[in-house]
Structure formats: C-alpha cells, structure tokens
Amino acid sequence: MDYLNVKSILGSIVYSAIGVVIFLVAYKLLERFLPFNVDKELAEDQNTAVGLVVGSVMIGLAIIIAAAIH
C-alpha cells in the first residue's frame, strides 16, 4: 500500500466517525426539542409520522455532511 491509499482510508474513517457523531448529536437534540418521547413513539406506538420526521432530518443532515466533505 502506498502512502496515498493509507491517507485516503484514514480520511474516510475520520469523516465517517465525525458524521456518526453529528447524527447522534442531532438525534439527541431532536429528542430534547420535540414535545413527545421519540423512542416511545417509534418503538412502542409505531408512529409512522414520527419515523418520517426523524428520517427526513437524518437525510437532510446526510446531504449537508456529504456536501461539506466534498
């Protein structure tokens, strides 16, 4: 393996870790600011609307993170 491949792999790992941390922080903020318990609504009540909101937020974040990395 040459130096460029190792550098690319390490960069991918670092950016992936940063992305995961941002997703976790965003989910915790979402739980904090929504007026209901997100985990209860998703797991116990199987609320599809809450699932769509959480999924939409995550997709929006993914687009922003991908644009920032590129």
PDB file of N, CA and C in Angstrom:
ATOM      1  N   MET A   1       0.840  -1.186   0.000  1.00  0.00           N
ATOM      2  CA  MET A   1       0.000   0.000   0.000  1.00  0.00           C
ATOM      3  C   MET A   1       0.876   1.236   0.000  1.00  0.00           C
ATOM      4  N   ASP A   2       0.560   2.114  -0.857  1.00  0.00           N
ATOM      5  CA  ASP A   2       1.331   3.344  -0.862  1.00  0.00           C
ATOM      6  C   ASP A   2       0.701   4.371   0.071  1.00  0.00           C
ATOM      7  N   TYR A   3       1.416   5.441   0.264  1.00  0.00           N
ATOM      8  CA  TYR A   3       1.039   6.466   1.228  1.00  0.00           C
ATOM      9  C   TYR A   3      -0.312   7.104   0.904  1.00  0.00           C
ATOM     10  N   LEU A   4      -0.611   7.288  -0.367  1.00  0.00           N
ATOM     11  CA  LEU A   4      -1.852   7.951  -0.761  1.00  0.00           C
ATOM     12  C   LEU A   4      -3.079   7.118  -0.384  1.00  0.00           C
ATOM     13  N   ASN A   5      -3.000   5.809  -0.566  1.00  0.00           N
ATOM     14  CA  ASN A   5      -4.128   4.946  -0.202  1.00  0.00           C
ATOM     15  C   ASN A   5      -4.367   4.947   1.301  1.00  0.00           C
ATOM     16  N   VAL A   6      -3.308   4.902   2.088  1.00  0.00           N
ATOM     17  CA  VAL A   6      -3.449   4.911   3.545  1.00  0.00           C
ATOM     18  C   VAL A   6      -4.060   6.233   3.994  1.00  0.00           C
ATOM     19  N   LYS A   7      -3.603   7.316   3.401  1.00  0.00           N
ATOM     20  CA  LYS A   7      -4.142   8.640   3.746  1.00  0.00           C
ATOM     21  C   LYS A   7      -5.624   8.729   3.382  1.00  0.00           C
ATOM     22  N   SER A   8      -6.008   8.199   2.249  1.00  0.00           N
ATOM     23  CA  SER A   8      -7.420   8.213   1.832  1.00  0.00           C
ATOM     24  C   SER A   8      -8.281   7.377   2.758  1.00  0.00           C
ATOM     25  N   ILE A   9      -7.786   6.220   3.143  1.00  0.00           N
ATOM     26  CA  ILE A   9      -8.547   5.340   4.039  1.00  0.00           C
ATOM     27  C   ILE A   9      -8.714   6.002   5.408  1.00  0.00           C
ATOM     28  N   LEU A  10      -7.649   6.568   5.931  1.00  0.00           N
ATOM     29  CA  LEU A  10      -7.746   7.248   7.230  1.00  0.00           C
ATOM     30  C   LEU A  10      -8.689   8.445   7.158  1.00  0.00           C
ATOM     31  N   GLY A  11      -8.644   9.182   6.064  1.00  0.00           N
ATOM     32  CA  GLY A  11      -9.561  10.305   5.896  1.00  0.00           C
ATOM     33  C   GLY A  11     -11.012   9.852   5.876  1.00  0.00           C
ATOM     34  N   SER A  12     -11.279   8.747   5.192  1.00  0.00           N
ATOM     35  CA  SER A  12     -12.643   8.209   5.140  1.00  0.00           C
ATOM     36  C   SER A  12     -13.125   7.781   6.516  1.00  0.00           C
ATOM     37  N   ILE A  13     -12.244   7.161   7.289  1.00  0.00           N
ATOM     38  CA  ILE A  13     -12.608   6.718   8.641  1.00  0.00           C
ATOM     39  C   ILE A  13     -12.897   7.921   9.535  1.00  0.00           C
ATOM     40  N   VAL A  14     -12.066   8.945   9.448  1.00  0.00           N
ATOM     41  CA  VAL A  14     -12.265  10.143  10.273  1.00  0.00           C
ATOM     42  C   VAL A  14     -13.575  10.842   9.905  1.00  0.00           C
ATOM     43  N   TYR A  15     -13.818  11.028   8.608  1.00  0.00           N
ATOM     44  CA  TYR A  15     -15.063  11.680   8.183  1.00  0.00           C
ATOM     45  C   TYR A  15     -16.289  10.852   8.558  1.00  0.00           C
ATOM     46  N   SER A  16     -16.179   9.539   8.483  1.00  0.00           N
ATOM     47  CA  SER A  16     -17.295   8.679   8.890  1.00  0.00           C
ATOM     48  C   SER A  16     -17.577   8.826  10.377  1.00  0.00           C
ATOM     49  N   ALA A  17     -16.529   8.842  11.183  1.00  0.00           N
ATOM     50  CA  ALA A  17     -16.703   8.996  12.630  1.00  0.00           C
ATOM     51  C   ALA A  17     -17.332  10.348  12.959  1.00  0.00           C
ATOM     52  N   ILE A  18     -16.878  11.401  12.293  1.00  0.00           N
ATOM     53  CA  ILE A  18     -17.457  12.724  12.522  1.00  0.00           C
ATOM     54  C   ILE A  18     -18.928  12.739  12.124  1.00  0.00           C
ATOM     55  N   GLY A  19     -19.260  12.103  11.009  1.00  0.00           N
ATOM     56  CA  GLY A  19     -20.649  12.028  10.567  1.00  0.00           C
ATOM     57  C   GLY A  19     -21.537  11.300  11.557  1.00  0.00           C
ATOM     58  N   VAL A  20     -21.044  10.190  12.108  1.00  0.00           N
ATOM     59  CA  VAL A  20     -21.818   9.430  13.097  1.00  0.00           C
ATOM     60  C   VAL A  20     -22.041  10.261  14.350  1.00  0.00           C
ATOM     61  N   VAL A  21     -21.013  10.972  14.801  1.00  0.00           N
ATOM     62  CA  VAL A  21     -21.159  11.819  15.984  1.00  0.00           C
ATOM     63  C   VAL A  21     -22.188  12.920  15.727  1.00  0.00           C
ATOM     64  N   ILE A  22     -22.148  13.521  14.549  1.00  0.00           N
ATOM     65  CA  ILE A  22     -23.127  14.563  14.216  1.00  0.00           C
ATOM     66  C   ILE A  22     -24.543  13.989  14.200  1.00  0.00           C
ATOM     67  N   PHE A  23     -24.705  12.779  13.667  1.00  0.00           N
ATOM     68  CA  PHE A  23     -26.023  12.148  13.669  1.00  0.00           C
ATOM     69  C   PHE A  23     -26.516  11.888  15.092  1.00  0.00           C
ATOM     70  N   LEU A  24     -25.636  11.418  15.966  1.00  0.00           N
ATOM     71  CA  LEU A  24     -26.033  11.161  17.354  1.00  0.00           C
ATOM     72  C   LEU A  24     -26.436  12.457  18.064  1.00  0.00           C
ATOM     73  N   VAL A  25     -25.660  13.510  17.859  1.00  0.00           N
ATOM     74  CA  VAL A  25     -25.984  14.800  18.473  1.00  0.00           C
ATOM     75  C   VAL A  25     -27.320  15.317  17.934  1.00  0.00           C
ATOM     76  N   ALA A  26     -27.532  15.192  16.631  1.00  0.00           N
ATOM     77  CA  ALA A  26     -28.792  15.654  16.036  1.00  0.00           C
ATOM     78  C   ALA A  26     -29.982  14.874  16.582  1.00  0.00           C
ATOM     79  N   TYR A  27     -29.832  13.571  16.762  1.00  0.00           N
ATOM     80  CA  TYR A  27     -30.926  12.760  17.297  1.00  0.00           C
ATOM     81  C   TYR A  27     -31.232  13.158  18.737  1.00  0.00           C
ATOM     82  N   LYS A  28     -30.192  13.383  19.524  1.00  0.00           N
ATOM     83  CA  LYS A  28     -30.404  13.806  20.913  1.00  0.00           C
ATOM     84  C   LYS A  28     -31.074  15.183  20.975  1.00  0.00           C
ATOM     85  N   LEU A  29     -30.676  16.099  20.086  1.00  0.00           N
ATOM     86  CA  LEU A  29     -31.332  17.413  20.034  1.00  0.00           C
ATOM     87  C   LEU A  29     -32.787  17.283  19.605  1.00  0.00           C
ATOM     88  N   LEU A  30     -33.047  16.387  18.657  1.00  0.00           N
ATOM     89  CA  LEU A  30     -34.411  16.149  18.206  1.00  0.00           C
ATOM     90  C   LEU A  30     -35.266  15.631  19.355  1.00  0.00           C
ATOM     91  N   GLU A  31     -34.721  14.684  20.133  1.00  0.00           N
ATOM     92  CA  GLU A  31     -35.443  14.165  21.296  1.00  0.00           C
ATOM     93  C   GLU A  31     -35.723  15.264  22.315  1.00  0.00           C
ATOM     94  N   ARG A  32     -34.761  16.151  22.481  1.00  0.00           N
ATOM     95  CA  ARG A  32     -34.894  17.195  23.501  1.00  0.00           C
ATOM     96  C   ARG A  32     -35.939  18.249  23.125  1.00  0.00           C
ATOM     97  N   PHE A  33     -35.999  18.630  21.853  1.00  0.00           N
ATOM     98  CA  PHE A  33     -36.856  19.736  21.460  1.00  0.00           C
ATOM     99  C   PHE A  33     -38.261  19.325  21.030  1.00  0.00           C
ATOM    100  N   LEU A  34     -38.475  18.069  20.681  1.00  0.00           N
ATOM    101  CA  LEU A  34     -39.824  17.640  20.325  1.00  0.00           C
ATOM    102  C   LEU A  34     -40.642  17.453  21.601  1.00  0.00           C
ATOM    103  N   PRO A  35     -41.932  17.767  21.561  1.00  0.00           N
ATOM    104  CA  PRO A  35     -42.743  17.729  22.783  1.00  0.00           C
ATOM    105  C   PRO A  35     -43.202  16.324  23.194  1.00  0.00           C
ATOM    106  N   PHE A  36     -42.646  15.292  22.605  1.00  0.00           N
ATOM    107  CA  PHE A  36     -43.018  13.925  22.953  1.00  0.00           C
ATOM    108  C   PHE A  36     -41.773  13.057  22.976  1.00  0.00           C
ATOM    109  N   ASN A  37     -41.910  11.855  23.525  1.00  0.00           N
ATOM    110  CA  ASN A  37     -40.796  10.920  23.619  1.00  0.00           C
ATOM    111  C   ASN A  37     -40.639  10.199  22.280  1.00  0.00           C
ATOM    112  N   VAL A  38     -39.564  10.499  21.566  1.00  0.00           N
ATOM    113  CA  VAL A  38     -39.342   9.949  20.229  1.00  0.00           C
ATOM    114  C   VAL A  38     -39.184   8.438  20.280  1.00  0.00           C
ATOM    115  N   ASP A  39     -38.410   7.932  21.240  1.00  0.00           N
ATOM    116  CA  ASP A  39     -38.191   6.484  21.337  1.00  0.00           C
ATOM    117  C   ASP A  39     -39.498   5.738  21.591  1.00  0.00           C
ATOM    118  N   LYS A  40     -40.332   6.274  22.480  1.00  0.00           N
ATOM    119  CA  LYS A  40     -41.620   5.629  22.774  1.00  0.00           C
ATOM    120  C   LYS A  40     -42.516   5.637  21.541  1.00  0.00           C
ATOM    121  N   GLU A  41     -42.564   6.779  20.857  1.00  0.00           N
ATOM    122  CA  GLU A  41     -43.414   6.885  19.670  1.00  0.00           C
ATOM    123  C   GLU A  41     -42.963   5.919  18.571  1.00  0.00           C
ATOM    124  N   LEU A  42     -41.664   5.749  18.416  1.00  0.00           N
ATOM    125  CA  LEU A  42     -41.163   4.864  17.357  1.00  0.00           C
ATOM    126  C   LEU A  42     -41.277   3.392  17.736  1.00  0.00           C
ATOM    127  N   ALA A  43     -40.860   3.043  18.952  1.00  0.00           N
ATOM    128  CA  ALA A  43     -40.786   1.631  19.338  1.00  0.00           C
ATOM    129  C   ALA A  43     -42.143   1.069  19.789  1.00  0.00           C
ATOM    130  N   GLU A  44     -42.773   1.739  20.729  1.00  0.00           N
ATOM    131  CA  GLU A  44     -43.995   1.193  21.305  1.00  0.00           C
ATOM    132  C   GLU A  44     -45.235   1.494  20.468  1.00  0.00           C
ATOM    133  N   ASP A  45     -45.393   2.754  20.071  1.00  0.00           N
ATOM    134  CA  ASP A  45     -46.596   3.163  19.348  1.00  0.00           C
ATOM    135  C   ASP A  45     -46.485   2.958  17.844  1.00  0.00           C
ATOM    136  N   GLN A  46     -45.289   2.710  17.351  1.00  0.00           N
ATOM    137  CA  GLN A  46     -45.012   2.510  15.927  1.00  0.00           C
ATOM    138  C   GLN A  46     -45.637   3.638  15.091  1.00  0.00           C
ATOM    139  N   ASN A  47     -45.334   4.863  15.502  1.00  0.00           N
ATOM    140  CA  ASN A  47     -45.870   6.054  14.859  1.00  0.00           C
ATOM    141  C   ASN A  47     -45.091   6.328  13.571  1.00  0.00           C
ATOM    142  N   THR A  48     -45.732   6.117  12.446  1.00  0.00           N
ATOM    143  CA  THR A  48     -45.090   6.284  11.140  1.00  0.00           C
ATOM    144  C   THR A  48     -44.719   7.736  10.875  1.00  0.00           C
ATOM    145  N   ALA A  49     -45.551   8.664  11.318  1.00  0.00           N
ATOM    146  CA  ALA A  49     -45.281  10.084  11.086  1.00  0.00           C
ATOM    147  C   ALA A  49     -43.993  10.522  11.783  1.00  0.00           C
ATOM    148  N   VAL A  50     -43.777  10.050  13.001  1.00  0.00           N
ATOM    149  CA  VAL A  50     -42.542  10.393  13.712  1.00  0.00           C
ATOM    150  C   VAL A  50     -41.346   9.759  13.004  1.00  0.00           C
ATOM    151  N   GLY A  51     -41.517   8.567  12.510  1.00  0.00           N
ATOM    152  CA  GLY A  51     -40.451   7.922  11.756  1.00  0.00           C
ATOM    153  C   GLY A  51     -40.079   8.705  10.507  1.00  0.00           C
ATOM    154  N   LEU A  52     -41.080   9.247   9.831  1.00  0.00           N
ATOM    155  CA  LEU A  52     -40.818  10.070   8.648  1.00  0.00           C
ATOM    156  C   LEU A  52     -40.094  11.365   9.011  1.00  0.00           C
ATOM    157  N   VAL A  53     -40.471  11.975  10.125  1.00  0.00           N
ATOM    158  CA  VAL A  53     -39.803  13.206  10.554  1.00  0.00           C
ATOM    159  C   VAL A  53     -38.346  12.926  10.898  1.00  0.00           C
ATOM    160  N   VAL A  54     -38.092  11.890  11.684  1.00  0.00           N
ATOM    161  CA  VAL A  54     -36.720  11.546  12.073  1.00  0.00           C
ATOM    162  C   VAL A  54     -35.904  11.170  10.839  1.00  0.00           C
ATOM    163  N   GLY A  55     -36.481  10.385   9.954  1.00  0.00           N
ATOM    164  CA  GLY A  55     -35.780  10.006   8.732  1.00  0.00           C
ATOM    165  C   GLY A  55     -35.472  11.192   7.846  1.00  0.00           C
ATOM    166  N   SER A  56     -36.406  12.129   7.758  1.00  0.00           N
ATOM    167  CA  SER A  56     -36.186  13.326   6.947  1.00  0.00           C
ATOM    168  C   SER A  56     -35.066  14.186   7.511  1.00  0.00           C
ATOM    169  N   VAL A  57     -35.028  14.314   8.820  1.00  0.00           N
ATOM    170  CA  VAL A  57     -33.953  15.077   9.454  1.00  0.00           C
ATOM    171  C   VAL A  57     -32.604  14.415   9.169  1.00  0.00           C
ATOM    172  N   MET A  58     -32.551  13.101   9.275  1.00  0.00           N
ATOM    173  CA  MET A  58     -31.295  12.380   9.038  1.00  0.00           C
ATOM    174  C   MET A  58     -30.855  12.480   7.572  1.00  0.00           C
ATOM    175  N   ILE A  59     -31.792  12.407   6.653  1.00  0.00           N
ATOM    176  CA  ILE A  59     -31.442  12.550   5.231  1.00  0.00           C
ATOM    177  C   ILE A  59     -30.938  13.964   4.950  1.00  0.00           C
ATOM    178  N   GLY A  60     -31.592  14.961   5.518  1.00  0.00           N
ATOM    179  CA  GLY A  60     -31.141  16.338   5.356  1.00  0.00           C
ATOM    180  C   GLY A  60     -29.737  16.538   5.906  1.00  0.00           C
ATOM    181  N   LEU A  61     -29.472  15.960   7.079  1.00  0.00           N
ATOM    182  CA  LEU A  61     -28.123  16.043   7.638  1.00  0.00           C
ATOM    183  C   LEU A  61     -27.102  15.328   6.765  1.00  0.00           C
ATOM    184  N   ALA A  62     -27.493  14.188   6.221  1.00  0.00           N
ATOM    185  CA  ALA A  62     -26.571  13.438   5.361  1.00  0.00           C
ATOM    186  C   ALA A  62     -26.188  14.248   4.129  1.00  0.00           C
ATOM    187  N   ILE A  63     -27.140  14.964   3.559  1.00  0.00           N
ATOM    188  CA  ILE A  63     -26.856  15.793   2.389  1.00  0.00           C
ATOM    189  C   ILE A  63     -25.895  16.922   2.764  1.00  0.00           C
ATOM    190  N   ILE A  64     -26.140  17.549   3.904  1.00  0.00           N
ATOM    191  CA  ILE A  64     -25.262  18.638   4.351  1.00  0.00           C
ATOM    192  C   ILE A  64     -23.852  18.127   4.652  1.00  0.00           C
ATOM    193  N   ILE A  65     -23.745  16.998   5.341  1.00  0.00           N
ATOM    194  CA  ILE A  65     -22.439  16.432   5.677  1.00  0.00           C
ATOM    195  C   ILE A  65     -21.694  16.029   4.408  1.00  0.00           C
ATOM    196  N   ALA A  66     -22.387  15.404   3.470  1.00  0.00           N
ATOM    197  CA  ALA A  66     -21.745  14.994   2.208  1.00  0.00           C
ATOM    198  C   ALA A  66     -21.239  16.204   1.429  1.00  0.00           C
ATOM    199  N   ALA A  67     -22.021  17.276   1.415  1.00  0.00           N
ATOM    200  CA  ALA A  67     -21.591  18.481   0.715  1.00  0.00           C
ATOM    201  C   ALA A  67     -20.392  19.114   1.407  1.00  0.00           C
ATOM    202  N   ALA A  68     -20.357  19.067   2.727  1.00  0.00           N
ATOM    203  CA  ALA A  68     -19.233  19.652   3.464  1.00  0.00           C
ATOM    204  C   ALA A  68     -17.954  18.838   3.256  1.00  0.00           C
ATOM    205  N   ILE A  69     -18.084  17.538   3.159  1.00  0.00           N
ATOM    206  CA  ILE A  69     -16.913  16.675   2.947  1.00  0.00           C
ATOM    207  C   ILE A  69     -16.376  16.816   1.540  1.00  0.00           C
ATOM    208  N   HIS A  70     -17.265  16.952   0.591  1.00  0.00           N
ATOM    209  CA  HIS A  70     -16.846  17.064  -0.812  1.00  0.00           C
ATOM    210  C   HIS A  70     -16.192  18.383  -0.994  1.00  0.00           C
TER     211      HIS A  70
END
